[in-house]
Amino acid sequence: MKLNNILLSLTSLDASNCKLTNVGITALIRGLKGSTKLVSLSIESNNIDASGFEIISTATTLSNLIHLNIQNNNGGDEGMK
């Protein structure tokens, strides 16, 4: 099975503590493009800041999420807008 097919079939992904930063979260969002099954995403403790949170909030790929864990990142008040 190709990696893209695996990503598209995921219902849950825990990428906590992976040192993603904004660059990594952008790549992750691109990799999940076309996914309609992902309902749970944990990206805790990845040094994602307000810009990364903006990328997440505008990603149509994540429109089916029921659970999103963004704890212990660097979004601050600006990232929560």
Protein backbone atom coordinates (compact mmCIF):
# COMPACT_ATOMS: atom_id res chain seq x y z
CA MET A 1 0.00 0.00 0.00
CA LYS A 2 1.35 3.43 -0.92
CA LEU A 3 2.04 5.98 1.82
CA ASN A 4 -0.55 8.35 0.36
CA ASN A 5 -3.21 5.62 0.56
CA ILE A 6 -2.27 4.97 4.18
CA LEU A 7 -2.51 8.66 5.06
CA LEU A 8 -5.90 8.93 3.37
CA SER A 9 -7.28 5.98 5.34
CA LEU A 10 -6.22 7.25 8.80
CA THR A 11 -8.95 8.01 11.31
CA SER A 12 -6.58 9.04 14.10
CA LEU A 13 -3.04 10.41 14.12
CA ASP A 14 -0.83 11.16 17.11
CA ALA A 15 2.14 13.28 16.02
CA SER A 16 2.89 14.58 19.51
CA ASN A 17 6.49 15.40 20.46
CA CYS A 18 7.74 15.08 16.87
CA LYS A 19 9.42 18.51 16.65
CA LEU A 20 7.18 19.40 13.68
CA THR A 21 7.28 23.21 13.99
CA ASN A 22 5.38 25.23 11.37
CA VAL A 23 7.30 23.65 8.50
CA GLY A 24 6.39 20.14 9.60
CA ILE A 25 2.73 20.95 10.19
CA THR A 26 2.54 22.43 6.68
CA ALA A 27 4.01 19.22 5.25
CA LEU A 28 1.66 17.10 7.34
CA ILE A 29 -1.38 19.05 6.14
CA ARG A 30 -0.24 18.63 2.52
CA GLY A 31 0.24 14.90 3.08
CA LEU A 32 -3.29 14.58 4.44
CA LYS A 33 -4.82 16.45 1.49
CA GLY A 34 -7.87 14.55 0.32
CA SER A 35 -8.36 12.77 3.64
CA THR A 36 -11.98 12.54 4.70
CA LYS A 37 -11.64 9.97 7.48
CA LEU A 38 -9.35 11.74 9.97
CA VAL A 39 -11.36 12.61 13.07
CA SER A 40 -8.63 12.82 15.72
CA LEU A 41 -5.30 14.65 15.50
CA SER A 42 -2.82 15.19 18.32
CA ILE A 43 0.06 17.57 17.63
CA GLU A 44 0.95 18.30 21.24
CA SER A 45 4.43 19.67 22.08
CA ASN A 46 5.65 20.43 18.57
CA ASN A 47 6.80 24.05 18.87
CA ILE A 48 4.00 25.26 16.58
CA ASP A 49 3.34 29.00 16.83
CA ALA A 50 0.47 31.30 15.80
CA SER A 51 1.36 31.00 12.10
CA GLY A 52 1.18 27.21 12.34
CA PHE A 53 -2.18 27.41 14.07
CA GLU A 54 -3.44 29.60 11.23
CA ILE A 55 -2.36 26.92 8.76
CA ILE A 56 -4.24 24.33 10.80
CA SER A 57 -7.38 26.44 11.11
CA THR A 58 -7.64 27.03 7.37
CA ALA A 59 -6.88 23.45 6.30
CA THR A 60 -9.99 22.01 4.67
CA THR A 61 -8.30 18.63 5.04
CA LEU A 62 -9.08 18.79 8.75
CA SER A 63 -12.75 19.71 8.39
CA ASN A 64 -13.96 16.36 9.79
CA LEU A 65 -11.94 16.57 13.01
CA ILE A 66 -13.79 15.89 16.23
CA HIS A 67 -10.69 15.97 18.44
CA LEU A 68 -7.67 18.26 18.03
CA ASN A 69 -4.96 18.32 20.70
CA ILE A 70 -2.65 21.35 20.37
CA GLN A 71 -1.43 21.53 23.97
CA ASN A 72 2.07 22.69 24.85
CA ASN A 73 2.84 24.59 21.67
CA ASN A 74 3.79 28.25 21.23
CA GLY A 75 0.57 29.68 19.79
CA GLY A 76 -0.12 32.04 22.66
CA ASP A 77 -3.15 34.31 22.59
CA GLU A 78 -2.55 35.20 18.94
CA GLY A 79 -2.70 31.56 17.90
CA MET A 80 -6.08 31.10 19.58
CA LYS A 81 -7.84 33.76 17.51
